[in-house]
Protein backbone atom coordinates (compact mmCIF):
# COMPACT_ATOMS: atom_id res chain seq x y z
CA UNK A 1 -21.76 -39.36 61.73
CA UNK A 2 -24.80 -41.29 60.59
CA UNK A 3 -25.21 -42.89 64.00
CA UNK A 4 -25.10 -39.51 65.80
CA UNK A 5 -27.64 -37.95 63.46
CA UNK A 6 -29.83 -41.08 63.65
CA UNK A 7 -30.39 -40.80 67.40
CA UNK A 8 -30.95 -37.04 67.44
CA UNK A 9 -34.43 -35.58 67.65
CA UNK A 10 -36.06 -34.65 64.36
CA UNK A 11 -35.56 -30.87 64.67
CA UNK A 12 -31.82 -31.15 65.31
CA UNK A 13 -31.43 -33.68 62.58
CA UNK A 14 -33.27 -31.42 60.05
CA UNK A 15 -31.13 -28.47 61.14
CA UNK A 16 -27.89 -30.36 60.62
CA UNK A 17 -28.99 -31.62 57.24
CA UNK A 18 -30.02 -28.13 56.24
CA UNK A 19 -26.62 -26.73 57.24
CA UNK A 20 -24.83 -29.46 55.28
CA UNK A 21 -26.84 -28.51 52.16
CA UNK A 22 -26.20 -24.81 52.65
CA UNK A 23 -22.44 -25.01 53.19
CA UNK A 24 -21.55 -25.49 49.52
CA UNK A 25 -23.41 -22.31 48.65
CA UNK A 26 -22.04 -20.35 51.68
CA UNK A 27 -18.41 -21.05 50.85
CA UNK A 28 -18.26 -19.07 47.56
CA UNK A 29 -20.51 -16.44 49.14
CA UNK A 30 -18.07 -15.88 51.98
CA UNK A 31 -14.90 -16.12 49.84
CA UNK A 32 -16.05 -13.95 46.90
CA UNK A 33 -18.51 -11.53 48.49
CA UNK A 34 -18.51 -11.23 52.31
CA UNK A 35 -14.76 -11.45 52.85
CA UNK A 36 -13.85 -8.98 50.01
CA UNK A 37 -16.46 -6.53 51.34
CA UNK A 38 -15.07 -6.72 54.88
CA UNK A 39 -11.49 -6.39 53.62
CA UNK A 40 -12.50 -3.37 51.47
CA UNK A 41 -14.03 -1.77 54.60
CA UNK A 42 -10.68 -2.34 56.39
CA UNK A 43 -8.71 -0.84 53.49
CA UNK A 44 -10.85 2.33 53.66
CA UNK A 45 -9.05 3.15 56.94
CA UNK A 46 -5.55 2.89 55.32
CA UNK A 47 -3.49 4.91 52.88
CA UNK A 48 -2.58 1.87 50.76
CA UNK A 49 -1.48 2.75 47.18
CA UNK A 50 -2.08 -0.74 45.71
CA UNK A 51 1.63 -0.98 44.81
CA UNK A 52 3.51 -0.91 48.09
CA UNK A 53 3.27 -4.00 50.42
CA UNK A 54 3.13 -1.58 53.38
CA UNK A 55 0.43 0.89 54.46
CA UNK A 56 -0.42 3.10 57.39
CA UNK A 57 -3.70 3.28 59.29
CA UNK A 58 -5.20 6.72 58.81
CA UNK A 59 -8.54 6.27 60.60
CA UNK A 60 -11.45 8.16 59.16
CA UNK A 61 -9.27 10.47 57.04
CA UNK A 62 -10.48 9.03 53.76
CA UNK A 63 -14.13 9.53 54.74
CA UNK A 64 -13.41 13.09 56.04
CA UNK A 65 -11.61 14.00 52.80
CA UNK A 66 -14.65 12.76 50.81
CA UNK A 67 -16.97 14.95 52.85
CA UNK A 68 -14.79 17.96 51.98
CA UNK A 69 -14.51 17.01 48.31
CA UNK A 70 -16.85 18.92 45.99
CA UNK A 71 -16.38 16.27 43.28
CA UNK A 72 -17.79 13.63 45.61
CA UNK A 73 -21.04 15.54 46.05
CA UNK A 74 -21.22 16.13 42.32
CA UNK A 75 -20.73 12.40 41.80
CA UNK A 76 -23.62 11.62 44.23
CA UNK A 77 -25.85 14.02 42.29
CA UNK A 78 -24.83 12.45 38.93
CA UNK A 79 -25.52 8.99 40.39
CA UNK A 80 -29.02 9.89 41.59
CA UNK A 81 -29.66 11.75 38.29
CA UNK A 82 -28.57 8.75 36.35
CA UNK A 83 -30.65 6.42 38.49
CA UNK A 84 -33.89 8.44 38.10
CA UNK A 85 -33.21 9.11 34.43
CA UNK A 86 -32.76 5.37 33.67
CA UNK A 87 -35.23 3.67 36.04
CA UNK A 88 -38.35 5.78 35.30
CA UNK A 89 -38.18 5.70 31.47
CA UNK A 90 -37.21 1.97 31.52
CA UNK A 91 -40.25 1.12 33.69
CA UNK A 92 -42.69 3.31 31.72
CA UNK A 93 -41.31 2.31 28.30
CA UNK A 94 -41.26 -1.40 29.20
CA UNK A 95 -44.86 -1.21 30.32
CA UNK A 96 -46.04 0.67 27.23
CA UNK A 97 -44.29 -1.80 24.91
CA UNK A 98 -45.72 -4.76 26.79
CA UNK A 99 -49.23 -3.36 26.52
CA UNK A 100 -48.77 -2.85 22.74
CA UNK A 101 -47.28 -6.29 22.17
CA UNK A 102 -49.62 -8.19 24.47
CA UNK A 103 -51.77 -9.20 21.53
CA UNK A 104 -52.08 -12.24 19.35
CA UNK A 105 -50.89 -10.83 16.01
CA UNK A 106 -48.94 -12.60 13.34
CA UNK A 107 -45.21 -11.98 13.66
CA UNK A 108 -45.50 -10.53 17.24
CA UNK A 109 -42.78 -12.90 18.44
CA UNK A 110 -40.36 -11.29 15.97
CA UNK A 111 -41.10 -7.84 17.28
CA UNK A 112 -40.56 -9.00 20.87
CA UNK A 113 -37.25 -10.59 19.97
CA UNK A 114 -36.07 -7.42 18.18
CA UNK A 115 -36.91 -5.23 21.18
CA UNK A 116 -35.32 -7.66 23.65
CA UNK A 117 -32.09 -8.13 21.65
CA UNK A 118 -30.32 -4.98 22.93
CA UNK A 119 -30.38 -6.44 26.45
CA UNK A 120 -28.32 -9.48 25.48
CA UNK A 121 -25.92 -7.46 23.42
CA UNK A 122 -22.68 -6.57 25.30
CA UNK A 123 -22.79 -3.03 26.73
CA UNK A 124 -19.29 -2.25 25.36
CA UNK A 125 -20.32 -3.13 21.81
CA UNK A 126 -23.57 -1.14 22.14
CA UNK A 127 -21.72 1.88 23.52
CA UNK A 128 -19.21 1.86 20.69
CA UNK A 129 -21.97 1.87 18.11
CA UNK A 130 -23.75 4.72 19.91
CA UNK A 131 -20.52 6.70 20.10
CA UNK A 132 -20.64 6.70 16.27
CA UNK A 133 -24.32 7.69 16.34
CA UNK A 134 -23.54 10.63 18.63
CA UNK A 135 -20.65 11.93 16.48
CA UNK A 136 -21.29 15.67 16.18
CA UNK A 137 -20.37 15.96 12.45
CA UNK A 138 -21.16 12.62 10.87
CA UNK A 139 -23.45 10.94 13.43
CA UNK A 140 -26.94 9.71 12.70
CA UNK A 141 -28.36 11.53 15.71
CA UNK A 142 -27.51 14.96 14.42
CA UNK A 143 -28.62 13.99 10.93
CA UNK A 144 -32.08 13.10 12.29
CA UNK A 145 -32.21 16.40 14.14
CA UNK A 146 -31.36 18.26 10.89
CA UNK A 147 -34.47 16.69 9.28
CA UNK A 148 -36.66 18.57 11.74
CA UNK A 149 -34.49 21.72 11.53
CA UNK A 150 -32.84 21.40 14.92
CA UNK A 151 -29.23 22.58 15.29
CA UNK A 152 -26.66 19.76 15.80
CA UNK A 153 -25.73 18.89 19.33
CA UNK A 154 -22.31 18.07 20.78
CA UNK A 155 -23.85 15.12 22.65
CA UNK A 156 -21.06 13.33 24.61
CA UNK A 157 -18.75 16.29 24.22
CA UNK A 158 -21.15 18.66 25.99
CA UNK A 159 -21.61 19.04 29.73
CA UNK A 160 -25.33 19.60 29.16
CA UNK A 161 -26.06 16.68 26.90
CA UNK A 162 -23.50 14.07 27.91
CA UNK A 163 -25.58 12.54 30.65
CA UNK A 164 -28.81 12.46 28.56
CA UNK A 165 -26.83 10.72 25.77
CA UNK A 166 -25.73 8.02 28.24
CA UNK A 167 -29.29 7.69 29.50
CA UNK A 168 -30.58 7.22 25.95
CA UNK A 169 -28.15 4.30 25.54
CA UNK A 170 -29.01 2.82 28.93
CA UNK A 171 -32.79 3.03 28.50
CA UNK A 172 -32.62 1.75 24.90
CA UNK A 173 -30.71 -1.28 26.11
CA UNK A 174 -32.85 -2.15 29.14
CA UNK A 175 -36.40 -1.24 28.06
CA UNK A 176 -36.84 -4.61 26.20
CA UNK A 177 -35.78 -6.46 29.30
CA UNK A 178 -38.48 -4.72 31.35
CA UNK A 179 -40.98 -5.38 28.55
CA UNK A 180 -40.47 -9.16 28.85
CA UNK A 181 -41.34 -9.12 32.54
CA UNK A 182 -44.41 -6.93 31.97
CA UNK A 183 -45.60 -9.23 29.18
CA UNK A 184 -45.55 -12.19 31.56
CA UNK A 185 -47.32 -10.18 34.26
CA UNK A 186 -50.02 -8.87 31.93
CA UNK A 187 -50.83 -12.34 30.69
CA UNK A 188 -51.44 -13.46 34.34
CA UNK A 189 -53.99 -10.70 35.05
CA UNK A 190 -57.39 -12.43 35.42
CA UNK A 191 -59.62 -11.39 32.54
CA UNK A 192 -62.64 -11.85 34.83
CA UNK A 193 -61.55 -8.83 36.89
CA UNK A 194 -61.25 -6.61 33.88
CA UNK A 195 -64.60 -7.74 32.56
CA UNK A 196 -66.17 -7.14 35.96
CA UNK A 197 -64.73 -3.59 35.98
CA UNK A 198 -66.20 -2.94 32.58
CA UNK A 199 -69.57 -4.17 33.71
CA UNK A 200 -69.40 -1.76 36.56
CA UNK A 201 -68.95 1.12 34.09
CA UNK A 202 -65.15 1.44 33.91
CA UNK A 203 -63.69 2.28 30.49
CA UNK A 204 -60.37 0.80 29.25
CA UNK A 205 -58.24 3.51 30.91
CA UNK A 206 -59.98 3.15 34.28
CA UNK A 207 -59.84 -0.65 34.12
CA UNK A 208 -56.11 -0.46 33.37
CA UNK A 209 -55.41 2.01 36.18
CA UNK A 210 -57.65 0.39 38.83
CA UNK A 211 -57.25 -3.30 38.00
CA UNK A 212 -54.24 -4.01 35.75
CA UNK A 213 -51.69 -1.76 37.37
CA UNK A 214 -52.37 -3.01 40.96
CA UNK A 215 -52.21 -6.62 39.73
CA UNK A 216 -48.79 -6.16 38.09
CA UNK A 217 -47.43 -3.96 40.87
CA UNK A 218 -45.18 -6.83 42.24
CA UNK A 219 -43.52 -6.92 38.82
CA UNK A 220 -43.10 -3.18 38.88
CA UNK A 221 -41.50 -3.31 42.32
CA UNK A 222 -39.11 -6.07 41.17
CA UNK A 223 -38.14 -3.98 38.11
CA UNK A 224 -37.64 -0.79 40.16
CA UNK A 225 -35.28 -2.63 42.50
CA UNK A 226 -33.30 -4.36 39.77
CA UNK A 227 -32.98 -1.39 37.41
CA UNK A 228 -32.10 0.80 40.35
CA UNK A 229 -29.27 -1.53 41.35
CA UNK A 230 -28.11 -1.81 37.71
CA UNK A 231 -28.00 1.97 37.38
CA UNK A 232 -25.80 2.29 40.50
CA UNK A 233 -23.42 -0.26 38.94
CA UNK A 234 -23.34 1.41 35.48
CA UNK A 235 -19.79 1.69 34.22
CA UNK A 236 -19.23 0.33 30.68
CA UNK A 237 -21.32 2.93 28.81
CA UNK A 238 -19.76 5.77 30.79
CA UNK A 239 -16.22 4.51 30.14
CA UNK A 240 -16.82 4.12 26.41
CA UNK A 241 -18.85 7.26 25.78
CA UNK A 242 -17.48 9.97 28.12
CA UNK A 243 -14.87 8.63 30.57
CA UNK A 244 -16.72 10.51 33.25
CA UNK A 245 -16.49 13.82 31.45
CA UNK A 246 -16.69 16.41 30.19
CA UNK A 247 -15.69 18.27 33.32
CA UNK A 248 -17.00 15.45 35.53
CA UNK A 249 -20.60 15.86 34.28
CA UNK A 250 -21.02 12.06 33.92
CA UNK A 251 -18.80 10.92 36.83
CA UNK A 252 -20.94 8.69 39.04
CA UNK A 253 -19.83 7.29 42.37
CA UNK A 254 -18.84 3.99 40.79
CA UNK A 255 -16.80 5.74 38.13
CA UNK A 256 -15.19 7.92 40.80
CA UNK A 257 -14.29 4.71 42.58
CA UNK A 258 -12.61 3.40 39.40
CA UNK A 259 -10.64 6.62 38.93
CA UNK A 260 -9.44 6.66 42.56
CA UNK A 261 -8.42 3.01 42.53
CA UNK A 262 -7.02 2.40 39.03
CA UNK A 263 -5.98 5.84 37.84
CA UNK A 264 -4.84 7.51 41.10
CA UNK A 265 -3.86 4.23 42.87
CA UNK A 266 -5.51 5.44 46.12
CA UNK A 267 -7.02 2.22 47.39
CA UNK A 268 -7.98 3.74 50.72
CA UNK A 269 -10.10 6.47 49.17
CA UNK A 270 -11.50 4.03 46.61
CA UNK A 271 -12.56 1.63 49.37
CA UNK A 272 -14.17 4.50 51.25
CA UNK A 273 -16.13 5.44 48.11
CA UNK A 274 -17.20 1.81 47.69
CA UNK A 275 -18.46 1.76 51.28
CA UNK A 276 -20.45 4.87 50.71
CA UNK A 277 -21.95 3.30 47.54
CA UNK A 278 -22.99 0.23 49.46
CA UNK A 279 -24.56 2.47 52.09
CA UNK A 280 -26.47 4.47 49.43
CA UNK A 281 -27.67 1.23 47.84
CA UNK A 282 -28.88 -0.10 51.14
CA UNK A 283 -30.69 3.14 52.03
CA UNK A 284 -32.42 3.40 48.63
CA UNK A 285 -33.41 -0.23 48.78
CA UNK A 286 -34.80 0.21 52.27
CA UNK A 287 -36.81 3.25 51.17
CA UNK A 288 -38.20 1.33 48.24
CA UNK A 289 -39.17 -1.66 50.41
CA UNK A 290 -40.92 0.59 52.94
CA UNK A 291 -42.77 2.53 50.20
CA UNK A 292 -43.79 -0.72 48.53
CA UNK A 293 -46.19 -1.48 51.40
CA UNK A 294 -48.44 1.31 50.18
CA UNK A 295 -48.55 0.54 46.45
CA UNK A 296 -47.62 -3.07 45.90
CA UNK A 297 -50.53 -5.53 45.98
CA UNK A 298 -49.84 -9.28 46.23
């Protein structure tokens, strides 16, 4: 093998060496990602129940059934609602915290650690604690509301407030993570640009809007993509807090997939839902990448 590579031209030799280095990374990628995705797409055309070794090909029946299922459209709405309700506050909250903590003050590292700690805490544990907080009778949330003379809420037991309750947990957990990235981005903004803007007559707000925000826009774009993907994959907090209820008000596409696969044992329908979820993720990511050309400055 060494002799053959030795007498090849440089471009072919570099290509072969590159492939040899890539193969160890490609094997787990193919085995644990590409192949399961392709097999899931195949299962979406069957009526497999996950129990029987036999199945029948049903064509596009699973997809057609989804298009005639009102719960599916409600799940899409809930997914987009959850995505917008978690991404926007996380980005804004993370930026605000980063601006406040981007100062050399004694003990600032402790504050940053405290705000970041929810991100590294398991979502299941966090959700269990918040389920106690949202208890209608003895929860801290309603006790705090009573201090400002607001009637107690049913929170996770209410169709109206169940999704906002999940969003509170999600944003609380992820805002510190966004803060860390913004802190790093803010520290890399050249001070000379801000000083030049102030010399030209810009106040702090104008300098922040015209200089700082464009300079940290790549970080914002990264966070929008990552938090958006995380929101589409949200499951733990929904399972612990509401189990998709009440009345399907918190059932996202991913949770609908879980119910179809592991509660109804309808693998064909579940695979069809997973395919649609991948398609939605790809479309949203494409839209974000296209839009980024107009507001992201490298």
